[in-house]
PDB file of N, CA and C in Angstrom:
ATOM      1  N   MET A   1     -19.306 -58.091 -20.477  1.00  0.00           N
ATOM      2  CA  MET A   1     -19.364 -57.070 -19.450  1.00  0.00           C
ATOM      3  C   MET A   1     -18.022 -56.337 -19.409  1.00  0.00           C
ATOM      4  N   ALA A   2     -18.062 -55.030 -19.366  1.00  0.00           N
ATOM      5  CA  ALA A   2     -16.840 -54.228 -19.382  1.00  0.00           C
ATOM      6  C   ALA A   2     -16.114 -54.370 -18.047  1.00  0.00           C
ATOM      7  N   ASP A   3     -14.786 -54.155 -18.097  1.00  0.00           N
ATOM      8  CA  ASP A   3     -14.000 -54.209 -16.859  1.00  0.00           C
ATOM      9  C   ASP A   3     -14.439 -53.091 -15.927  1.00  0.00           C
ATOM     10  N   ALA A   4     -14.691 -53.437 -14.696  1.00  0.00           N
ATOM     11  CA  ALA A   4     -15.086 -52.435 -13.709  1.00  0.00           C
ATOM     12  C   ALA A   4     -13.855 -51.647 -13.263  1.00  0.00           C
ATOM     13  N   LYS A   5     -14.039 -50.339 -13.159  1.00  0.00           N
ATOM     14  CA  LYS A   5     -12.932 -49.503 -12.685  1.00  0.00           C
ATOM     15  C   LYS A   5     -12.823 -49.658 -11.170  1.00  0.00           C
ATOM     16  N   PRO A   6     -11.606 -49.728 -10.656  1.00  0.00           N
ATOM     17  CA  PRO A   6     -11.464 -49.823  -9.201  1.00  0.00           C
ATOM     18  C   PRO A   6     -11.952 -48.540  -8.536  1.00  0.00           C
ATOM     19  N   LYS A   7     -12.537 -48.693  -7.377  1.00  0.00           N
ATOM     20  CA  LYS A   7     -13.008 -47.516  -6.632  1.00  0.00           C
ATOM     21  C   LYS A   7     -11.810 -46.742  -6.111  1.00  0.00           C
ATOM     22  N   ARG A   8     -11.930 -45.433  -6.185  1.00  0.00           N
ATOM     23  CA  ARG A   8     -10.877 -44.569  -5.648  1.00  0.00           C
ATOM     24  C   ARG A   8     -11.375 -43.897  -4.378  1.00  0.00           C
ATOM     25  N   ALA A   9     -10.490 -43.758  -3.446  1.00  0.00           N
ATOM     26  CA  ALA A   9     -10.830 -43.054  -2.216  1.00  0.00           C
ATOM     27  C   ALA A   9     -10.921 -41.562  -2.517  1.00  0.00           C
ATOM     28  N   ASN A  10     -11.700 -40.858  -1.739  1.00  0.00           N
ATOM     29  CA  ASN A  10     -11.811 -39.417  -1.897  1.00  0.00           C
ATOM     30  C   ASN A  10     -10.488 -38.789  -1.470  1.00  0.00           C
ATOM     31  N   ASN A  11      -9.824 -38.130  -2.377  1.00  0.00           N
ATOM     32  CA  ASN A  11      -8.511 -37.563  -2.090  1.00  0.00           C
ATOM     33  C   ASN A  11      -8.571 -36.162  -1.491  1.00  0.00           C
ATOM     34  N   ALA A  12      -9.757 -35.659  -1.196  1.00  0.00           N
ATOM     35  CA  ALA A  12      -9.880 -34.316  -0.635  1.00  0.00           C
ATOM     36  C   ALA A  12      -9.156 -34.200   0.705  1.00  0.00           C
ATOM     37  N   LEU A  13      -9.195 -35.258   1.508  1.00  0.00           N
ATOM     38  CA  LEU A  13      -8.534 -35.201   2.818  1.00  0.00           C
ATOM     39  C   LEU A  13      -7.027 -35.379   2.720  1.00  0.00           C
ATOM     40  N   SER A  14      -6.565 -36.015   1.656  1.00  0.00           N
ATOM     41  CA  SER A  14      -5.126 -36.253   1.542  1.00  0.00           C
ATOM     42  C   SER A  14      -4.420 -35.198   0.690  1.00  0.00           C
ATOM     43  N   LYS A  15      -5.181 -34.299   0.067  1.00  0.00           N
ATOM     44  CA  LYS A  15      -4.584 -33.240  -0.745  1.00  0.00           C
ATOM     45  C   LYS A  15      -3.884 -32.238   0.167  1.00  0.00           C
ATOM     46  N   PRO A  16      -2.613 -31.911  -0.114  1.00  0.00           N
ATOM     47  CA  PRO A  16      -1.905 -30.959   0.741  1.00  0.00           C
ATOM     48  C   PRO A  16      -2.527 -29.560   0.693  1.00  0.00           C
ATOM     49  N   VAL A  17      -2.643 -28.946   1.847  1.00  0.00           N
ATOM     50  CA  VAL A  17      -3.153 -27.583   1.973  1.00  0.00           C
ATOM     51  C   VAL A  17      -2.125 -26.748   2.724  1.00  0.00           C
ATOM     52  N   GLN A  18      -2.177 -25.443   2.511  1.00  0.00           N
ATOM     53  CA  GLN A  18      -1.215 -24.531   3.137  1.00  0.00           C
ATOM     54  C   GLN A  18      -1.837 -23.937   4.397  1.00  0.00           C
ATOM     55  N   PRO A  19      -1.237 -24.175   5.576  1.00  0.00           N
ATOM     56  CA  PRO A  19      -1.772 -23.584   6.803  1.00  0.00           C
ATOM     57  C   PRO A  19      -1.441 -22.094   6.893  1.00  0.00           C
ATOM     58  N   SER A  20      -2.314 -21.328   7.555  1.00  0.00           N
ATOM     59  CA  SER A  20      -2.065 -19.912   7.800  1.00  0.00           C
ATOM     60  C   SER A  20      -0.896 -19.781   8.780  1.00  0.00           C
ATOM     61  N   ALA A  21      -0.423 -18.573   8.958  1.00  0.00           N
ATOM     62  CA  ALA A  21       0.692 -18.332   9.889  1.00  0.00           C
ATOM     63  C   ALA A  21       0.309 -18.731  11.317  1.00  0.00           C
ATOM     64  N   ASP A  22      -0.931 -18.434  11.717  1.00  0.00           N
ATOM     65  CA  ASP A  22      -1.382 -18.780  13.075  1.00  0.00           C
ATOM     66  C   ASP A  22      -1.425 -20.292  13.280  1.00  0.00           C
ATOM     67  N   LEU A  23      -1.935 -21.005  12.287  1.00  0.00           N
ATOM     68  CA  LEU A  23      -2.012 -22.463  12.391  1.00  0.00           C
ATOM     69  C   LEU A  23      -0.635 -23.100  12.229  1.00  0.00           C
ATOM     70  N   ALA A  24       0.234 -22.467  11.451  1.00  0.00           N
ATOM     71  CA  ALA A  24       1.584 -22.993  11.230  1.00  0.00           C
ATOM     72  C   ALA A  24       2.389 -23.042  12.533  1.00  0.00           C
ATOM     73  N   ALA A  25       2.037 -22.209  13.497  1.00  0.00           N
ATOM     74  CA  ALA A  25       2.709 -22.245  14.797  1.00  0.00           C
ATOM     75  C   ALA A  25       2.497 -23.585  15.497  1.00  0.00           C
ATOM     76  N   ILE A  26       1.447 -24.303  15.106  1.00  0.00           N
ATOM     77  CA  ILE A  26       1.132 -25.599  15.719  1.00  0.00           C
ATOM     78  C   ILE A  26       1.535 -26.755  14.812  1.00  0.00           C
ATOM     79  N   VAL A  27       1.231 -26.662  13.508  1.00  0.00           N
ATOM     80  CA  VAL A  27       1.415 -27.801  12.596  1.00  0.00           C
ATOM     81  C   VAL A  27       2.619 -27.669  11.671  1.00  0.00           C
ATOM     82  N   GLY A  28       3.289 -26.541  11.675  1.00  0.00           N
ATOM     83  CA  GLY A  28       4.409 -26.329  10.763  1.00  0.00           C
ATOM     84  C   GLY A  28       3.951 -25.554   9.533  1.00  0.00           C
ATOM     85  N   SER A  29       4.892 -24.983   8.803  1.00  0.00           N
ATOM     86  CA  SER A  29       4.539 -24.089   7.701  1.00  0.00           C
ATOM     87  C   SER A  29       4.491 -24.764   6.336  1.00  0.00           C
ATOM     88  N   ASN A  30       4.903 -26.026   6.244  1.00  0.00           N
ATOM     89  CA  ASN A  30       4.870 -26.737   4.958  1.00  0.00           C
ATOM     90  C   ASN A  30       3.460 -27.197   4.632  1.00  0.00           C
ATOM     91  N   PRO A  31       3.125 -27.318   3.326  1.00  0.00           N
ATOM     92  CA  PRO A  31       1.809 -27.871   2.958  1.00  0.00           C
ATOM     93  C   PRO A  31       1.632 -29.267   3.584  1.00  0.00           C
ATOM     94  N   ILE A  32       0.423 -29.529   4.044  1.00  0.00           N
ATOM     95  CA  ILE A  32       0.143 -30.749   4.793  1.00  0.00           C
ATOM     96  C   ILE A  32      -1.292 -31.191   4.502  1.00  0.00           C
ATOM     97  N   ALA A  33      -1.563 -32.487   4.558  1.00  0.00           N
ATOM     98  CA  ALA A  33      -2.913 -33.008   4.335  1.00  0.00           C
ATOM     99  C   ALA A  33      -3.837 -32.571   5.470  1.00  0.00           C
ATOM    100  N   ARG A  34      -5.112 -32.361   5.134  1.00  0.00           N
ATOM    101  CA  ARG A  34      -6.093 -31.950   6.154  1.00  0.00           C
ATOM    102  C   ARG A  34      -6.142 -32.938   7.318  1.00  0.00           C
ATOM    103  N   SER A  35      -6.083 -34.220   6.999  1.00  0.00           N
ATOM    104  CA  SER A  35      -6.147 -35.226   8.068  1.00  0.00           C
ATOM    105  C   SER A  35      -4.951 -35.105   9.002  1.00  0.00           C
ATOM    106  N   ALA A  36      -3.779 -34.764   8.445  1.00  0.00           N
ATOM    107  CA  ALA A  36      -2.582 -34.592   9.273  1.00  0.00           C
ATOM    108  C   ALA A  36      -2.677 -33.318  10.109  1.00  0.00           C
ATOM    109  N   VAL A  37      -3.343 -32.280   9.579  1.00  0.00           N
ATOM    110  CA  VAL A  37      -3.540 -31.045  10.349  1.00  0.00           C
ATOM    111  C   VAL A  37      -4.337 -31.362  11.606  1.00  0.00           C
ATOM    112  N   VAL A  38      -5.438 -32.086  11.445  1.00  0.00           N
ATOM    113  CA  VAL A  38      -6.284 -32.428  12.588  1.00  0.00           C
ATOM    114  C   VAL A  38      -5.500 -33.275  13.586  1.00  0.00           C
ATOM    115  N   SER A  39      -4.717 -34.226  13.099  1.00  0.00           N
ATOM    116  CA  SER A  39      -3.913 -35.072  13.989  1.00  0.00           C
ATOM    117  C   SER A  39      -2.905 -34.252  14.780  1.00  0.00           C
ATOM    118  N   LYS A  40      -2.237 -33.317  14.108  1.00  0.00           N
ATOM    119  CA  LYS A  40      -1.227 -32.499  14.799  1.00  0.00           C
ATOM    120  C   LYS A  40      -1.866 -31.553  15.808  1.00  0.00           C
ATOM    121  N   VAL A  41      -3.035 -31.023  15.488  1.00  0.00           N
ATOM    122  CA  VAL A  41      -3.731 -30.159  16.449  1.00  0.00           C
ATOM    123  C   VAL A  41      -4.123 -30.978  17.671  1.00  0.00           C
ATOM    124  N   TRP A  42      -4.602 -32.222  17.462  1.00  0.00           N
ATOM    125  CA  TRP A  42      -4.943 -33.068  18.607  1.00  0.00           C
ATOM    126  C   TRP A  42      -3.700 -33.428  19.422  1.00  0.00           C
ATOM    127  N   GLU A  43      -2.574 -33.635  18.760  1.00  0.00           N
ATOM    128  CA  GLU A  43      -1.319 -33.883  19.502  1.00  0.00           C
ATOM    129  C   GLU A  43      -1.018 -32.697  20.409  1.00  0.00           C
ATOM    130  N   HIS A  44      -1.173 -31.483  19.878  1.00  0.00           N
ATOM    131  CA  HIS A  44      -0.930 -30.259  20.657  1.00  0.00           C
ATOM    132  C   HIS A  44      -1.899 -30.173  21.838  1.00  0.00           C
ATOM    133  N   ILE A  45      -3.162 -30.493  21.586  1.00  0.00           N
ATOM    134  CA  ILE A  45      -4.182 -30.433  22.645  1.00  0.00           C
ATOM    135  C   ILE A  45      -3.851 -31.423  23.760  1.00  0.00           C
ATOM    136  N   LYS A  46      -3.511 -32.654  23.395  1.00  0.00           N
ATOM    137  CA  LYS A  46      -3.221 -33.681  24.410  1.00  0.00           C
ATOM    138  C   LYS A  46      -1.902 -33.408  25.135  1.00  0.00           C
ATOM    139  N   LYS A  47      -0.891 -32.954  24.384  1.00  0.00           N
ATOM    140  CA  LYS A  47       0.421 -32.658  24.983  1.00  0.00           C
ATOM    141  C   LYS A  47       0.313 -31.551  26.029  1.00  0.00           C
ATOM    142  N   ASN A  48      -0.537 -30.557  25.762  1.00  0.00           N
ATOM    143  CA  ASN A  48      -0.680 -29.418  26.653  1.00  0.00           C
ATOM    144  C   ASN A  48      -1.897 -29.508  27.567  1.00  0.00           C
ATOM    145  N   ASN A  49      -2.543 -30.698  27.588  1.00  0.00           N
ATOM    146  CA  ASN A  49      -3.680 -30.951  28.480  1.00  0.00           C
ATOM    147  C   ASN A  49      -4.755 -29.866  28.337  1.00  0.00           C
ATOM    148  N   LEU A  50      -5.244 -29.682  27.097  1.00  0.00           N
ATOM    149  CA  LEU A  50      -6.183 -28.597  26.816  1.00  0.00           C
ATOM    150  C   LEU A  50      -7.646 -29.050  26.716  1.00  0.00           C
ATOM    151  N   GLN A  51      -7.924 -30.320  27.014  1.00  0.00           N
ATOM    152  CA  GLN A  51      -9.311 -30.766  27.047  1.00  0.00           C
ATOM    153  C   GLN A  51      -9.879 -30.481  28.427  1.00  0.00           C
ATOM    154  N   ASN A  52     -11.100 -29.990  28.467  1.00  0.00           N
ATOM    155  CA  ASN A  52     -11.783 -29.749  29.735  1.00  0.00           C
ATOM    156  C   ASN A  52     -12.026 -31.105  30.402  1.00  0.00           C
ATOM    157  N   PRO A  53     -11.488 -31.344  31.597  1.00  0.00           N
ATOM    158  CA  PRO A  53     -11.660 -32.652  32.246  1.00  0.00           C
ATOM    159  C   PRO A  53     -13.130 -32.973  32.560  1.00  0.00           C
ATOM    160  N   ALA A  54     -13.951 -31.963  32.777  1.00  0.00           N
ATOM    161  CA  ALA A  54     -15.359 -32.190  33.078  1.00  0.00           C
ATOM    162  C   ALA A  54     -16.173 -32.486  31.821  1.00  0.00           C
ATOM    163  N   ASN A  55     -15.710 -31.987  30.669  1.00  0.00           N
ATOM    164  CA  ASN A  55     -16.409 -32.195  29.403  1.00  0.00           C
ATOM    165  C   ASN A  55     -15.349 -32.396  28.318  1.00  0.00           C
ATOM    166  N   LYS A  56     -15.020 -33.642  28.025  1.00  0.00           N
ATOM    167  CA  LYS A  56     -13.926 -33.972  27.098  1.00  0.00           C
ATOM    168  C   LYS A  56     -14.155 -33.443  25.684  1.00  0.00           C
ATOM    169  N   ARG A  57     -15.409 -33.088  25.351  1.00  0.00           N
ATOM    170  CA  ARG A  57     -15.694 -32.555  24.010  1.00  0.00           C
ATOM    171  C   ARG A  57     -15.312 -31.085  23.891  1.00  0.00           C
ATOM    172  N   GLU A  58     -14.920 -30.474  24.984  1.00  0.00           N
ATOM    173  CA  GLU A  58     -14.584 -29.048  24.994  1.00  0.00           C
ATOM    174  C   GLU A  58     -13.071 -28.859  25.002  1.00  0.00           C
ATOM    175  N   ILE A  59     -12.588 -28.006  24.098  1.00  0.00           N
ATOM    176  CA  ILE A  59     -11.167 -27.686  24.007  1.00  0.00           C
ATOM    177  C   ILE A  59     -10.951 -26.309  24.615  1.00  0.00           C
ATOM    178  N   VAL A  60     -10.059 -26.221  25.593  1.00  0.00           N
ATOM    179  CA  VAL A  60      -9.711 -24.953  26.211  1.00  0.00           C
ATOM    180  C   VAL A  60      -8.486 -24.417  25.468  1.00  0.00           C
ATOM    181  N   ALA A  61      -8.616 -23.241  24.872  1.00  0.00           N
ATOM    182  CA  ALA A  61      -7.572 -22.704  23.997  1.00  0.00           C
ATOM    183  C   ALA A  61      -6.413 -22.106  24.795  1.00  0.00           C
ATOM    184  N   ASP A  62      -5.186 -22.442  24.369  1.00  0.00           N
ATOM    185  CA  ASP A  62      -4.009 -21.739  24.862  1.00  0.00           C
ATOM    186  C   ASP A  62      -3.776 -20.554  23.914  1.00  0.00           C
ATOM    187  N   ASP A  63      -2.660 -19.831  24.069  1.00  0.00           N
ATOM    188  CA  ASP A  63      -2.409 -18.651  23.245  1.00  0.00           C
ATOM    189  C   ASP A  63      -2.360 -18.977  21.749  1.00  0.00           C
ATOM    190  N   LYS A  64      -1.734 -20.112  21.394  1.00  0.00           N
ATOM    191  CA  LYS A  64      -1.635 -20.490  19.980  1.00  0.00           C
ATOM    192  C   LYS A  64      -2.997 -20.841  19.402  1.00  0.00           C
ATOM    193  N   LEU A  65      -3.784 -21.605  20.137  1.00  0.00           N
ATOM    194  CA  LEU A  65      -5.097 -22.018  19.635  1.00  0.00           C
ATOM    195  C   LEU A  65      -6.106 -20.872  19.618  1.00  0.00           C
ATOM    196  N   LYS A  66      -5.970 -19.909  20.530  1.00  0.00           N
ATOM    197  CA  LYS A  66      -6.883 -18.760  20.536  1.00  0.00           C
ATOM    198  C   LYS A  66      -6.853 -18.035  19.198  1.00  0.00           C
ATOM    199  N   LYS A  67      -5.662 -17.920  18.614  1.00  0.00           N
ATOM    200  CA  LYS A  67      -5.530 -17.253  17.312  1.00  0.00           C
ATOM    201  C   LYS A  67      -6.258 -18.037  16.229  1.00  0.00           C
ATOM    202  N   VAL A  68      -6.191 -19.352  16.304  1.00  0.00           N
ATOM    203  CA  VAL A  68      -6.854 -20.211  15.326  1.00  0.00           C
ATOM    204  C   VAL A  68      -8.368 -20.222  15.555  1.00  0.00           C
ATOM    205  N   PHE A  69      -8.804 -20.149  16.813  1.00  0.00           N
ATOM    206  CA  PHE A  69     -10.223 -20.228  17.164  1.00  0.00           C
ATOM    207  C   PHE A  69     -10.912 -18.866  17.143  1.00  0.00           C
ATOM    208  N   GLY A  70     -10.302 -17.886  16.525  1.00  0.00           N
ATOM    209  CA  GLY A  70     -10.939 -16.566  16.414  1.00  0.00           C
ATOM    210  C   GLY A  70     -11.065 -15.836  17.734  1.00  0.00           C
ATOM    211  N   GLY A  71     -10.122 -16.058  18.647  1.00  0.00           N
ATOM    212  CA  GLY A  71     -10.118 -15.366  19.928  1.00  0.00           C
ATOM    213  C   GLY A  71     -10.955 -16.020  21.007  1.00  0.00           C
ATOM    214  N   LYS A  72     -11.627 -17.120  20.698  1.00  0.00           N
ATOM    215  CA  LYS A  72     -12.466 -17.799  21.695  1.00  0.00           C
ATOM    216  C   LYS A  72     -11.599 -18.534  22.716  1.00  0.00           C
ATOM    217  N   ASP A  73     -12.057 -18.539  23.967  1.00  0.00           N
ATOM    218  CA  ASP A  73     -11.342 -19.227  25.041  1.00  0.00           C
ATOM    219  C   ASP A  73     -11.533 -20.737  24.984  1.00  0.00           C
ATOM    220  N   LYS A  74     -12.709 -21.175  24.496  1.00  0.00           N
ATOM    221  CA  LYS A  74     -12.967 -22.606  24.385  1.00  0.00           C
ATOM    222  C   LYS A  74     -13.947 -22.858  23.253  1.00  0.00           C
ATOM    223  N   VAL A  75     -13.786 -24.023  22.626  1.00  0.00           N
ATOM    224  CA  VAL A  75     -14.679 -24.447  21.549  1.00  0.00           C
ATOM    225  C   VAL A  75     -14.946 -25.940  21.711  1.00  0.00           C
ATOM    226  N   SER A  76     -16.018 -26.408  21.075  1.00  0.00           N
ATOM    227  CA  SER A  76     -16.285 -27.854  21.092  1.00  0.00           C
ATOM    228  C   SER A  76     -15.389 -28.512  20.048  1.00  0.00           C
ATOM    229  N   MET A  77     -15.165 -29.795  20.185  1.00  0.00           N
ATOM    230  CA  MET A  77     -14.307 -30.507  19.224  1.00  0.00           C
ATOM    231  C   MET A  77     -14.926 -30.476  17.831  1.00  0.00           C
ATOM    232  N   PHE A  78     -16.237 -30.342  17.746  1.00  0.00           N
ATOM    233  CA  PHE A  78     -16.915 -30.297  16.455  1.00  0.00           C
ATOM    234  C   PHE A  78     -16.754 -28.920  15.816  1.00  0.00           C
ATOM    235  N   GLU A  79     -16.803 -27.883  16.622  1.00  0.00           N
ATOM    236  CA  GLU A  79     -16.615 -26.506  16.161  1.00  0.00           C
ATOM    237  C   GLU A  79     -15.156 -26.271  15.743  1.00  0.00           C
ATOM    238  N   MET A  80     -14.246 -27.016  16.330  1.00  0.00           N
ATOM    239  CA  MET A  80     -12.819 -26.861  16.045  1.00  0.00           C
ATOM    240  C   MET A  80     -12.530 -27.033  14.554  1.00  0.00           C
ATOM    241  N   ASN A  81     -13.143 -28.028  13.901  1.00  0.00           N
ATOM    242  CA  ASN A  81     -12.878 -28.270  12.488  1.00  0.00           C
ATOM    243  C   ASN A  81     -13.308 -27.096  11.621  1.00  0.00           C
ATOM    244  N   LYS A  82     -14.370 -26.423  11.989  1.00  0.00           N
ATOM    245  CA  LYS A  82     -14.809 -25.227  11.248  1.00  0.00           C
ATOM    246  C   LYS A  82     -13.743 -24.144  11.337  1.00  0.00           C
ATOM    247  N   HIS A  83     -13.182 -23.962  12.505  1.00  0.00           N
ATOM    248  CA  HIS A  83     -12.134 -22.954  12.692  1.00  0.00           C
ATOM    249  C   HIS A  83     -10.865 -23.343  11.932  1.00  0.00           C
ATOM    250  N   LEU A  84     -10.521 -24.620  11.938  1.00  0.00           N
ATOM    251  CA  LEU A  84      -9.334 -25.072  11.222  1.00  0.00           C
ATOM    252  C   LEU A  84      -9.465 -24.818   9.726  1.00  0.00           C
ATOM    253  N   SER A  85     -10.641 -25.053   9.174  1.00  0.00           N
ATOM    254  CA  SER A  85     -10.809 -24.875   7.732  1.00  0.00           C
ATOM    255  C   SER A  85     -10.636 -23.417   7.315  1.00  0.00           C
ATOM    256  N   ASN A  86     -10.890 -22.482   8.229  1.00  0.00           N
ATOM    257  CA  ASN A  86     -10.665 -21.063   7.941  1.00  0.00           C
ATOM    258  C   ASN A  86      -9.184 -20.729   7.814  1.00  0.00           C
ATOM    259  N   HIS A  87      -8.318 -21.607   8.290  1.00  0.00           N
ATOM    260  CA  HIS A  87      -6.877 -21.362   8.277  1.00  0.00           C
ATOM    261  C   HIS A  87      -6.136 -22.231   7.270  1.00  0.00           C
ATOM    262  N   LEU A  88      -6.873 -22.854   6.353  1.00  0.00           N
ATOM    263  CA  LEU A  88      -6.258 -23.713   5.344  1.00  0.00           C
ATOM    264  C   LEU A  88      -6.621 -23.215   3.947  1.00  0.00           C
ATOM    265  N   LYS A  89      -5.610 -23.186   3.066  1.00  0.00           N
ATOM    266  CA  LYS A  89      -5.854 -22.763   1.679  1.00  0.00           C
ATOM    267  C   LYS A  89      -5.561 -23.907   0.735  1.00  0.00           C
TER     268      LYS A  89
END
């Protein structure tokens, strides 16, 4: 029996991506992994108390996040990832 190759994790989330200028205002301008982008955006949300207290799945955008969210005042946490991907190359 041939030697089995070790399984590799999907590196798509750990591959560095370049944030747009609008997103860089939150996460920094250096290339960063997608997973780290999401973590830093959540840090910003929690630090600035941007979750709707009545519905924790809803993010209320401040001026920086409005630019990332396409001008929307609020988005769901699930919709947020779609908006983030538009700002990553």
